[in-house]
Amino acid sequence: MSVPLSIEWRIITEGQEKRINAKENIFQITFPGYKMFPIDAPIDIMRHEDSDQIGTAIVNKITFSNNQTICIYQLVSLYSVN
C-alpha cells in the first residue's frame, strides 16, 4: 500500500498557524496529508497560495500522524504583518 507524500518548498499558512513560543517566534501548523519540508534551511512563508511571501522560516521538526503533518518552525524574518 502506498502513502501519498508531497515535498513542499514553502509554507502556506491560510492563517492556521499557532504561536507556541513568543520569545523565539516558534509556530506550529497542521496540514492534512503527509508533507515533507526542508529542515534547518530557510523557506518562504505565504498566507495563501496566490499571495506574496510574508516572511522566511526554518523548519525545526516535522511529525507524521493519522494522515496529518505537524510542522514546527521558527519565523526568522517577517516582511509584512498583514
N, C-alpha and C. Protein backbone atom coordinates (compact mmCIF):
# COMPACT_ATOMS: atom_id res chain seq x y z
N MET A 1 0.84 -1.17 0.00
CA MET A 1 0.00 0.00 0.00
C MET A 1 0.89 1.24 0.00
N SER A 2 0.64 2.16 -0.91
CA SER A 2 1.45 3.37 -0.98
C SER A 2 0.82 4.49 -0.15
N VAL A 3 1.66 5.39 0.30
CA VAL A 3 1.22 6.53 1.09
C VAL A 3 1.57 7.79 0.31
N PRO A 4 0.58 8.65 0.01
CA PRO A 4 0.88 9.87 -0.72
C PRO A 4 1.72 10.83 0.13
N LEU A 5 2.77 11.38 -0.47
CA LEU A 5 3.66 12.31 0.20
C LEU A 5 4.00 13.42 -0.76
N SER A 6 3.85 14.66 -0.33
CA SER A 6 4.26 15.78 -1.19
C SER A 6 5.46 16.47 -0.56
N ILE A 7 6.35 16.94 -1.40
CA ILE A 7 7.52 17.68 -0.96
C ILE A 7 7.25 19.16 -1.22
N GLU A 8 7.32 19.95 -0.16
CA GLU A 8 6.98 21.37 -0.23
C GLU A 8 8.23 22.22 -0.05
N TRP A 9 8.27 23.36 -0.74
CA TRP A 9 9.41 24.28 -0.63
C TRP A 9 8.98 25.62 -0.06
N ARG A 10 7.74 25.69 0.45
CA ARG A 10 7.23 26.88 1.12
C ARG A 10 6.10 26.45 2.05
N ILE A 11 5.85 27.27 3.06
CA ILE A 11 4.76 27.01 4.00
C ILE A 11 3.63 27.96 3.65
N ILE A 12 2.46 27.42 3.37
CA ILE A 12 1.27 28.22 3.10
C ILE A 12 0.35 28.04 4.30
N THR A 13 0.17 29.12 5.08
CA THR A 13 -0.48 29.00 6.38
C THR A 13 -2.00 29.08 6.35
N GLU A 14 -2.56 29.80 5.41
CA GLU A 14 -4.02 30.05 5.37
C GLU A 14 -4.51 30.58 6.72
N GLY A 15 -3.61 31.19 7.50
CA GLY A 15 -3.99 31.75 8.79
C GLY A 15 -4.19 30.71 9.89
N GLN A 16 -3.73 29.48 9.68
CA GLN A 16 -3.97 28.39 10.64
C GLN A 16 -2.80 28.14 11.59
N GLU A 17 -1.74 28.93 11.51
CA GLU A 17 -0.58 28.72 12.38
C GLU A 17 -0.90 29.13 13.81
N LYS A 18 -0.22 28.47 14.76
CA LYS A 18 -0.38 28.79 16.18
C LYS A 18 0.99 29.08 16.76
N ARG A 19 1.10 30.19 17.45
CA ARG A 19 2.38 30.54 18.10
C ARG A 19 2.52 29.69 19.36
N ILE A 20 3.64 28.98 19.46
CA ILE A 20 3.85 28.14 20.64
C ILE A 20 4.98 28.66 21.53
N ASN A 21 5.77 29.62 21.03
CA ASN A 21 6.82 30.24 21.84
C ASN A 21 7.03 31.65 21.31
N ALA A 22 6.50 32.63 22.02
CA ALA A 22 6.55 34.02 21.55
C ALA A 22 7.98 34.58 21.55
N LYS A 23 8.76 34.22 22.54
CA LYS A 23 10.12 34.77 22.64
C LYS A 23 11.00 34.33 21.47
N GLU A 24 10.87 33.09 21.07
CA GLU A 24 11.70 32.53 20.00
C GLU A 24 11.00 32.54 18.63
N ASN A 25 9.78 33.09 18.56
CA ASN A 25 8.99 33.11 17.31
C ASN A 25 8.80 31.70 16.73
N ILE A 26 8.41 30.77 17.58
CA ILE A 26 8.18 29.39 17.16
C ILE A 26 6.68 29.20 16.92
N PHE A 27 6.34 28.59 15.79
CA PHE A 27 4.96 28.36 15.40
C PHE A 27 4.75 26.89 15.08
N GLN A 28 3.48 26.47 15.17
CA GLN A 28 3.08 25.12 14.78
C GLN A 28 1.91 25.23 13.82
N ILE A 29 1.92 24.39 12.80
CA ILE A 29 0.81 24.32 11.86
C ILE A 29 0.59 22.86 11.50
N THR A 30 -0.67 22.50 11.33
CA THR A 30 -1.03 21.13 10.97
C THR A 30 -1.63 21.13 9.57
N PHE A 31 -1.12 20.24 8.73
CA PHE A 31 -1.60 20.10 7.36
C PHE A 31 -2.28 18.74 7.19
N PRO A 32 -3.31 18.67 6.38
CA PRO A 32 -3.88 17.36 6.05
C PRO A 32 -2.91 16.61 5.13
N GLY A 33 -2.84 15.32 5.29
CA GLY A 33 -1.94 14.51 4.46
C GLY A 33 -0.51 14.59 4.96
N TYR A 34 0.40 14.04 4.16
CA TYR A 34 1.81 13.99 4.54
C TYR A 34 2.60 14.93 3.64
N LYS A 35 3.30 15.89 4.26
CA LYS A 35 4.09 16.88 3.53
C LYS A 35 5.49 16.90 4.12
N MET A 36 6.47 16.92 3.25
CA MET A 36 7.86 16.97 3.66
C MET A 36 8.40 18.37 3.36
N PHE A 37 9.10 18.96 4.32
CA PHE A 37 9.71 20.28 4.17
C PHE A 37 11.21 20.16 4.42
N PRO A 38 12.00 21.05 3.82
CA PRO A 38 13.43 21.07 4.16
C PRO A 38 13.58 21.46 5.63
N ILE A 39 14.45 20.78 6.33
CA ILE A 39 14.67 21.07 7.74
C ILE A 39 15.99 21.82 7.88
N ASP A 40 15.99 22.81 8.77
CA ASP A 40 17.18 23.63 9.06
C ASP A 40 17.66 24.44 7.85
N ALA A 41 16.75 24.78 6.97
CA ALA A 41 17.07 25.62 5.81
C ALA A 41 15.97 26.66 5.65
N PRO A 42 16.30 27.89 5.28
CA PRO A 42 15.28 28.93 5.11
C PRO A 42 14.31 28.60 3.98
N ILE A 43 13.01 28.74 4.26
CA ILE A 43 11.98 28.58 3.23
C ILE A 43 10.97 29.72 3.35
N ASP A 44 10.23 29.96 2.29
CA ASP A 44 9.26 31.04 2.24
C ASP A 44 7.99 30.69 3.02
N ILE A 45 7.38 31.72 3.60
CA ILE A 45 6.07 31.58 4.23
C ILE A 45 5.11 32.49 3.49
N MET A 46 3.93 31.94 3.17
CA MET A 46 2.89 32.69 2.48
C MET A 46 1.57 32.46 3.19
N ARG A 47 0.69 33.45 3.16
CA ARG A 47 -0.65 33.29 3.75
C ARG A 47 -1.52 32.40 2.88
N HIS A 48 -1.48 32.63 1.55
CA HIS A 48 -2.30 31.89 0.61
C HIS A 48 -1.46 31.49 -0.59
N GLU A 49 -1.92 30.52 -1.33
CA GLU A 49 -1.22 30.00 -2.50
C GLU A 49 -0.84 31.10 -3.49
N ASP A 50 -1.74 32.06 -3.69
CA ASP A 50 -1.52 33.10 -4.70
C ASP A 50 -1.12 34.45 -4.11
N SER A 51 -0.72 34.49 -2.84
CA SER A 51 -0.32 35.75 -2.22
C SER A 51 1.20 35.91 -2.25
N ASP A 52 1.66 37.10 -1.87
CA ASP A 52 3.09 37.36 -1.79
C ASP A 52 3.69 36.69 -0.56
N GLN A 53 4.99 36.52 -0.60
CA GLN A 53 5.72 35.98 0.55
C GLN A 53 5.61 36.95 1.71
N ILE A 54 5.34 36.43 2.91
CA ILE A 54 5.23 37.30 4.08
C ILE A 54 6.44 37.18 5.00
N GLY A 55 7.27 36.17 4.78
CA GLY A 55 8.44 36.02 5.62
C GLY A 55 9.24 34.78 5.27
N THR A 56 10.20 34.50 6.15
CA THR A 56 11.07 33.33 5.97
C THR A 56 11.08 32.55 7.28
N ALA A 57 11.08 31.23 7.14
CA ALA A 57 11.07 30.35 8.31
C ALA A 57 12.12 29.27 8.17
N ILE A 58 12.46 28.69 9.30
CA ILE A 58 13.30 27.50 9.33
C ILE A 58 12.52 26.42 10.05
N VAL A 59 12.25 25.32 9.36
CA VAL A 59 11.51 24.20 9.93
C VAL A 59 12.42 23.46 10.90
N ASN A 60 11.93 23.26 12.13
CA ASN A 60 12.70 22.57 13.16
C ASN A 60 12.30 21.11 13.32
N LYS A 61 11.00 20.83 13.10
CA LYS A 61 10.51 19.47 13.36
C LYS A 61 9.28 19.19 12.52
N ILE A 62 9.19 17.97 12.01
CA ILE A 62 8.03 17.50 11.26
C ILE A 62 7.58 16.19 11.88
N THR A 63 6.28 16.07 12.15
CA THR A 63 5.73 14.84 12.71
C THR A 63 4.59 14.37 11.82
N PHE A 64 4.59 13.10 11.47
CA PHE A 64 3.52 12.49 10.68
C PHE A 64 2.67 11.63 11.60
N SER A 65 1.34 11.84 11.56
CA SER A 65 0.46 11.03 12.39
C SER A 65 -0.97 11.15 11.90
N ASN A 66 -1.66 10.01 11.79
CA ASN A 66 -3.08 9.98 11.43
C ASN A 66 -3.40 10.78 10.17
N ASN A 67 -2.60 10.58 9.13
CA ASN A 67 -2.78 11.27 7.85
C ASN A 67 -2.71 12.79 7.99
N GLN A 68 -1.85 13.26 8.90
CA GLN A 68 -1.62 14.68 9.09
C GLN A 68 -0.12 14.93 9.26
N THR A 69 0.28 16.15 8.92
CA THR A 69 1.65 16.59 9.14
C THR A 69 1.63 17.74 10.13
N ILE A 70 2.38 17.61 11.20
CA ILE A 70 2.54 18.69 12.16
C ILE A 70 3.94 19.27 11.94
N CYS A 71 3.95 20.56 11.62
CA CYS A 71 5.20 21.24 11.29
C CYS A 71 5.46 22.31 12.34
N ILE A 72 6.64 22.28 12.93
CA ILE A 72 7.06 23.31 13.88
C ILE A 72 8.20 24.08 13.24
N TYR A 73 8.03 25.40 13.18
CA TYR A 73 9.02 26.23 12.51
C TYR A 73 9.30 27.51 13.29
N GLN A 74 10.46 28.09 13.03
CA GLN A 74 10.83 29.36 13.63
C GLN A 74 10.76 30.44 12.56
N LEU A 75 10.04 31.49 12.84
CA LEU A 75 9.95 32.63 11.94
C LEU A 75 11.23 33.43 12.10
N VAL A 76 12.03 33.53 11.05
CA VAL A 76 13.32 34.24 11.15
C VAL A 76 13.27 35.63 10.54
N SER A 77 12.30 35.89 9.67
CA SER A 77 12.11 37.25 9.17
C SER A 77 10.65 37.42 8.75
N LEU A 78 10.15 38.63 8.92
CA LEU A 78 8.76 38.95 8.60
C LEU A 78 8.76 40.18 7.71
N TYR A 79 8.12 40.07 6.53
CA TYR A 79 8.10 41.18 5.59
C TYR A 79 6.86 42.04 5.73
N SER A 80 5.78 41.45 6.22
CA SER A 80 4.51 42.16 6.34
C SER A 80 3.74 41.60 7.52
N VAL A 81 3.04 42.45 8.23
CA VAL A 81 2.24 41.97 9.36
C VAL A 81 0.81 41.69 8.94
N ASN A 82 0.45 41.96 7.73
CA ASN A 82 -0.92 41.71 7.24
C ASN A 82 -1.02 40.42 6.51
